[in-house]
Protein backbone atom coordinates (compact mmCIF):
# COMPACT_ATOMS: atom_id res chain seq x y z
CA MET A 1 0.29 -0.17 0.15
CA THR A 2 1.66 3.45 -1.31
CA ASN A 3 1.85 5.54 1.83
CA SER A 4 -0.83 7.94 -0.55
CA SER A 5 -3.39 5.08 -0.63
CA ARG A 6 -2.80 4.79 3.59
CA ASN A 7 -2.76 8.44 4.04
CA ILE A 8 -6.42 8.92 2.29
CA GLY A 9 -7.35 5.26 4.30
CA ILE A 10 -7.06 7.65 7.57
CA ALA A 11 -9.10 10.67 6.79
CA VAL A 12 -11.90 8.10 5.76
CA LEU A 13 -11.58 6.82 9.56
CA ILE A 14 -11.70 9.51 10.96
CA ASN A 15 -13.92 11.60 8.76
CA LEU A 16 -16.75 8.54 8.77
CA ALA A 17 -16.08 8.20 12.91
CA PHE A 18 -16.52 12.37 13.59
CA THR A 19 -19.64 11.72 11.26
CA ILE A 20 -21.18 9.51 14.11
CA ILE A 21 -19.53 12.38 16.88
CA GLU A 22 -21.49 15.12 15.13
CA ILE A 23 -24.93 13.65 14.59
CA ILE A 24 -24.46 12.84 18.57
CA GLY A 25 -23.62 16.10 19.25
CA GLY A 26 -26.08 17.84 16.72
CA LEU A 27 -29.08 15.93 18.37
CA TRP A 28 -27.34 16.31 22.03
CA THR A 29 -27.30 20.36 21.66
CA ASN A 30 -29.93 20.71 19.17
CA SER A 31 -28.45 21.87 16.84
CA LEU A 32 -28.88 22.35 12.86
CA ALA A 33 -25.41 23.90 12.21
CA ILE A 34 -23.62 20.71 13.44
CA LEU A 35 -25.94 18.35 12.23
CA SER A 36 -25.72 20.02 9.07
CA ASP A 37 -22.05 19.60 8.70
CA ALA A 38 -22.50 15.85 9.60
CA LEU A 39 -24.36 15.18 6.70
CA HIS A 40 -21.45 17.56 4.33
CA ASP A 41 -19.00 15.09 5.87
CA PHE A 42 -20.54 11.88 5.23
CA GLY A 43 -21.28 12.56 2.01
CA ASP A 44 -17.44 13.74 1.82
CA THR A 45 -17.37 10.33 3.86
CA LEU A 46 -18.35 9.06 0.50
CA ILE A 47 -16.43 10.27 -2.08
CA LEU A 48 -12.93 9.40 0.65
CA GLY A 49 -14.32 5.87 0.46
CA SER A 50 -14.56 5.91 -3.30
CA SER A 51 -11.32 7.84 -3.56
CA TRP A 52 -9.46 5.64 -1.24
CA PHE A 53 -11.20 2.13 -3.02
CA LEU A 54 -9.44 3.49 -6.41
CA GLU A 55 -6.17 4.55 -5.28
CA LYS A 56 -5.64 0.61 -4.60
CA GLN A 57 -7.63 0.23 -7.76
CA SER A 58 -5.23 1.58 -9.97
CA ASN A 59 -2.83 -0.47 -9.14
CA LYS A 60 -3.97 -3.30 -10.59
CA GLY A 61 -4.60 -2.12 -13.92
CA PRO A 62 -7.37 -2.54 -16.36
CA ASP A 63 -8.19 -6.09 -17.11
CA PHE A 64 -9.19 -8.19 -20.14
CA LYS A 65 -12.83 -7.09 -18.79
CA ARG A 66 -12.74 -3.30 -18.02
CA THR A 67 -9.65 -2.51 -20.46
CA PHE A 68 -10.35 1.10 -19.63
CA GLY A 69 -9.81 -0.04 -15.72
CA TYR A 70 -12.26 0.99 -12.43
CA LYS A 71 -10.92 5.02 -12.34
CA ARG A 72 -15.12 5.40 -13.85
CA LEU A 73 -16.50 4.37 -10.55
CA SER A 74 -15.90 7.55 -9.26
CA LEU A 75 -17.77 9.13 -10.98
CA PHE A 76 -20.77 7.00 -10.17
CA SER A 77 -19.39 7.69 -6.69
CA ALA A 78 -19.25 11.24 -6.90
CA THR A 79 -22.91 11.29 -8.25
CA LEU A 80 -24.12 9.67 -4.66
CA SER A 81 -22.85 10.94 -3.38
CA GLY A 82 -24.07 14.16 -4.66
CA LEU A 83 -27.97 13.17 -4.49
CA ILE A 84 -27.31 11.92 -1.16
CA LEU A 85 -26.16 15.52 -0.28
CA VAL A 86 -28.61 17.06 -2.32
CA ALA A 87 -31.41 15.31 -0.15
CA GLY A 88 -30.21 15.41 2.75
CA SER A 89 -29.57 19.41 2.24
CA LEU A 90 -33.01 20.17 0.87
CA TYR A 91 -34.08 18.31 4.36
CA ILE A 92 -31.73 20.49 6.22
CA LEU A 93 -33.44 23.52 5.29
CA SER A 94 -37.03 21.98 5.94
CA GLN A 95 -35.86 22.55 8.86
CA ALA A 96 -33.58 24.79 10.15
CA ILE A 97 -36.10 27.87 8.21
CA PRO A 98 -38.80 26.91 10.32
CA ARG A 99 -36.74 28.06 12.94
CA LEU A 100 -36.30 31.59 11.94
CA LEU A 101 -39.14 32.19 13.23
CA ASN A 102 -38.99 30.04 15.80
CA PRO A 103 -35.64 30.26 17.15
CA GLN A 104 -35.02 27.03 19.87
CA ASP A 105 -32.53 27.49 22.24
CA VAL A 106 -29.02 24.65 21.84
CA ASN A 107 -26.35 24.17 23.38
CA ALA A 108 -24.18 26.54 23.61
CA LEU A 109 -21.12 25.05 25.40
CA GLY A 110 -21.74 21.84 23.67
CA MET A 111 -21.59 23.45 20.37
CA ILE A 112 -18.36 25.22 21.51
CA GLY A 113 -16.50 22.10 23.00
CA PHE A 114 -17.92 20.53 19.80
CA ALA A 115 -16.92 22.93 17.35
CA VAL A 116 -13.80 22.19 19.09
CA ILE A 117 -13.31 18.62 18.42
CA GLY A 118 -14.14 19.28 14.46
CA ILE A 119 -11.03 21.75 13.83
CA VAL A 120 -8.72 18.91 16.00
CA PHE A 121 -10.59 16.25 13.90
CA ASN A 122 -10.33 17.65 10.50
CA GLY A 123 -7.38 19.68 11.42
CA PHE A 124 -5.81 16.38 11.83
CA ALA A 125 -6.45 14.81 9.06
CA LEU A 126 -6.03 17.68 6.91
CA TRP A 127 -2.02 17.69 8.35
CA ARG A 128 -1.91 13.80 7.25
CA LEU A 129 -3.22 14.28 3.50
CA HIS A 130 -0.91 17.38 4.04
CA GLY A 131 2.31 17.29 0.99
CA GLY A 132 0.26 14.23 -0.82
CA HIS A 133 1.91 15.40 -4.10
CA ASP A 134 -1.05 13.09 -6.64
CA LEU A 135 -3.91 15.02 -7.41
CA ASN A 136 -6.68 12.52 -5.28
CA SER A 137 -4.33 14.08 -1.81
CA LYS A 138 -4.41 17.62 -2.97
CA ILE A 139 -8.44 17.49 -3.53
CA ILE A 140 -8.61 15.33 -0.82
CA SER A 141 -7.08 18.17 1.43
CA TRP A 142 -9.70 20.63 -0.06
CA HIS A 143 -12.27 18.92 1.54
CA PHE A 144 -10.94 18.77 5.09
CA VAL A 145 -9.37 22.79 4.61
CA GLU A 146 -13.64 23.28 4.24
CA ASP A 147 -14.34 21.50 7.26
CA VAL A 148 -12.01 23.25 9.14
CA ILE A 149 -13.31 26.67 7.93
CA GLY A 150 -16.44 25.64 8.97
CA TRP A 151 -16.14 24.26 12.16
CA VAL A 152 -14.11 27.59 13.31
CA ILE A 153 -17.40 29.70 12.00
CA ILE A 154 -19.95 27.02 14.46
CA LEU A 155 -16.96 28.07 17.06
CA ILE A 156 -17.97 31.73 16.52
CA GLY A 157 -21.65 31.43 16.05
CA ALA A 158 -21.74 29.45 19.79
CA ILE A 159 -19.59 31.39 21.73
CA ILE A 160 -21.71 34.61 20.69
CA THR A 161 -24.97 32.97 21.51
CA TYR A 162 -23.13 30.98 25.38
CA PHE A 163 -23.09 34.97 25.87
CA VAL A 164 -25.81 36.84 23.89
CA ASN A 165 -27.82 33.85 23.91
CA LEU A 166 -29.06 34.23 20.22
CA PRO A 167 -30.53 31.14 19.92
CA ILE A 168 -31.42 31.80 15.79
CA ILE A 169 -27.37 32.08 14.89
CA ASP A 170 -27.83 28.46 14.26
CA PRO A 171 -30.80 28.33 12.10
CA ILE A 172 -28.84 31.39 10.12
CA ILE A 173 -25.13 29.43 9.97
CA THR A 174 -27.17 26.20 8.94
CA ILE A 175 -29.08 28.04 6.66
CA ILE A 176 -25.58 30.14 4.88
CA PHE A 177 -22.84 26.10 5.25
CA THR A 178 -26.01 24.05 3.70
CA THR A 179 -26.29 26.87 0.38
CA VAL A 180 -22.56 26.99 0.09
CA ILE A 181 -22.52 22.63 0.41
CA LEU A 182 -25.80 22.54 -2.51
CA ILE A 183 -23.99 25.41 -5.34
CA GLY A 184 -20.51 23.04 -4.70
CA VAL A 185 -22.53 19.88 -5.19
CA ALA A 186 -24.70 20.92 -7.92
CA LYS A 187 -20.88 22.01 -9.99
CA ASN A 188 -19.65 18.76 -9.01
CA LEU A 189 -23.31 17.16 -10.69
CA LYS A 190 -23.57 19.14 -12.93
CA GLU A 191 -19.42 18.26 -14.25
CA ALA A 192 -20.22 14.33 -12.96
CA PHE A 193 -23.82 14.42 -15.75
CA ASN A 194 -21.36 15.87 -18.65
CA LEU A 195 -18.14 13.20 -17.91
CA LEU A 196 -21.30 10.25 -18.01
CA MET A 197 -22.26 11.57 -20.81
CA GLN A 198 -18.81 11.95 -22.31
CA GLY A 199 -18.44 15.51 -22.49
CA ILE A 200 -15.78 17.39 -22.54
CA PRO A 201 -14.12 17.88 -19.55
CA ASP A 202 -13.43 21.27 -18.03
CA GLY A 203 -10.47 22.59 -18.67
CA LEU A 204 -9.91 21.83 -21.74
CA SER A 205 -11.56 23.20 -25.81
CA LEU A 206 -11.96 21.70 -28.52
CA ASN A 207 -10.94 23.75 -30.96
CA ALA A 208 -7.82 24.82 -28.83
CA ILE A 209 -6.34 20.85 -28.75
CA LYS A 210 -7.30 20.84 -33.05
CA LYS A 211 -4.42 24.81 -33.35
CA ASN A 212 -2.15 22.42 -31.22
CA ILE A 213 -2.08 19.90 -33.41
CA SER A 214 -1.76 21.81 -36.44
CA LYS A 215 1.88 23.15 -34.98
CA VAL A 216 3.25 20.13 -35.19
CA LYS A 217 5.32 20.16 -38.66
CA GLY A 218 3.42 18.47 -41.44
CA VAL A 219 0.44 18.69 -40.18
CA ILE A 220 -2.49 19.77 -42.80
CA ASP A 221 -5.00 19.49 -40.97
CA SER A 222 -7.85 16.88 -38.37
CA HIS A 223 -10.89 15.81 -37.91
CA ASP A 224 -13.02 13.75 -36.39
CA LEU A 225 -11.62 14.63 -32.71
CA HIS A 226 -13.30 12.75 -29.82
CA ILE A 227 -12.04 14.31 -26.04
CA TRP A 228 -13.47 12.17 -23.12
CA SER A 229 -12.84 11.46 -19.37
CA LEU A 230 -12.70 8.14 -17.32
CA ASP A 231 -12.65 9.81 -14.38
CA GLY A 232 -12.34 13.70 -14.43
CA HIS A 233 -8.48 13.60 -14.56
CA SER A 234 -7.34 10.61 -17.36
CA HIS A 235 -8.52 12.66 -20.53
CA ILE A 236 -8.52 9.95 -23.83
CA LEU A 237 -8.48 10.96 -27.24
CA THR A 238 -9.07 9.45 -30.40
CA ALA A 239 -8.00 11.56 -33.78
CA HIS A 240 -7.70 11.95 -37.55
CA VAL A 241 -4.94 13.88 -38.59
CA ILE A 242 -4.37 14.29 -42.22
CA VAL A 243 0.41 14.84 -43.07
CA ASN A 244 2.08 15.55 -45.98
CA LYS A 245 4.26 13.03 -47.61
CA ALA A 246 7.03 14.07 -45.62
CA ALA A 247 5.12 13.02 -41.93
CA LEU A 248 3.49 9.96 -43.45
CA GLU A 249 7.27 8.06 -44.51
CA ASN A 250 7.66 9.48 -40.71
CA SER A 251 4.78 8.39 -39.65
CA ASP A 252 6.41 6.85 -36.24
CA LYS A 253 8.29 10.50 -35.30
CA THR A 254 4.91 12.53 -36.70
CA ARG A 255 2.48 10.41 -34.12
CA LYS A 256 4.82 10.92 -31.30
CA LYS A 257 5.04 14.42 -31.37
CA ILE A 258 1.59 14.99 -32.07
CA LYS A 259 0.95 12.40 -28.28
CA ASN A 260 3.83 15.22 -26.82
CA GLU A 261 1.96 17.85 -28.69
CA LEU A 262 -0.93 16.33 -26.35
CA LYS A 263 0.19 15.04 -23.12
CA MET A 264 1.50 18.60 -22.23
CA GLN A 265 -2.81 19.77 -22.93
CA GLY A 266 -3.35 17.21 -20.07
CA ILE A 267 -4.34 14.20 -22.47
CA THR A 268 -2.85 11.28 -20.90
CA HIS A 269 -4.07 8.66 -23.50
CA SER A 270 -4.86 9.16 -27.48
CA THR A 271 -5.02 6.92 -30.52
CA ILE A 272 -3.91 9.41 -33.50
CA GLU A 273 -4.57 7.45 -37.53
CA LEU A 274 -2.00 9.21 -39.62
CA GLU A 275 -4.11 10.07 -43.26
CA SER A 276 -2.36 11.14 -46.31
CA LYS A 277 -4.54 14.43 -48.38
CA LYS A 278 -5.75 11.95 -50.84
CA PHE A 279 -7.28 10.00 -48.57
CA CYS A 280 -9.40 11.08 -45.97
CA SER A 281 -12.15 8.92 -43.60
CA GLY A 282 -14.31 8.99 -41.31
CA ILE A 283 -17.72 11.01 -40.54
CA GLU A 284 -16.58 14.60 -40.35
CA CYS A 285 -14.55 14.21 -43.01
CA LYS A 286 -14.16 16.74 -46.10
CA THR A 287 -11.27 16.40 -48.08
CA ASN A 288 -9.95 14.90 -50.41
């Protein structure tokens, strides 16, 4: 097991254990803010779990049944996690909005205690993942940065409630925090749906890639470009590239140059079909 996989595994256990503690603490303190963060952490646990699983699966590589490997599982996991978070967030909002009109007393001292525990737990998980060089670790680290900030906000709100006795602060924090979660989840679900439909992933442009391919010496034009992503990070491209006679005679060298150009654009796997100007195939071919 790699250090990255081990650290992500530890982060999963920390997040799962703290989610259970949050649920108990939210019910005990009567705080929707803590319960909403418990929902957020539950979603994170699902995402972390899938990332940990995929980190281990990536070492196996493709097999005869799944020639692209298992990276696509992350999209299904992200979609499922997103739908769970949306449903849970809507429920939390349905409970928080009425409390604006009829605020309920909360255990402010208990909230302060749980906020401190939350900062410690999430801070430790962030420390375990800090310095990771792989993309998984870097992305997951941001989840814990967000969690630490969220608990600091809850801590500030709990301290104000303790000294000023303003129970309305709890539903206000809950609504703000849950709305932020919904906005983030909506963005992730939109991209997950785009990738499941084999759309071009964020950060890539079909026209820009086609233009960069044209920069390679000997390239005349390109067509039938298809770009998709397995998991949002492993991008794939297939293309028909029309080249001049000299480039076609040195097909291996030309293909290598094109692939190197694509790698600089973030394309990890590409299939290039070289064609002469007089012979062009493909549904988008217009050159005869």
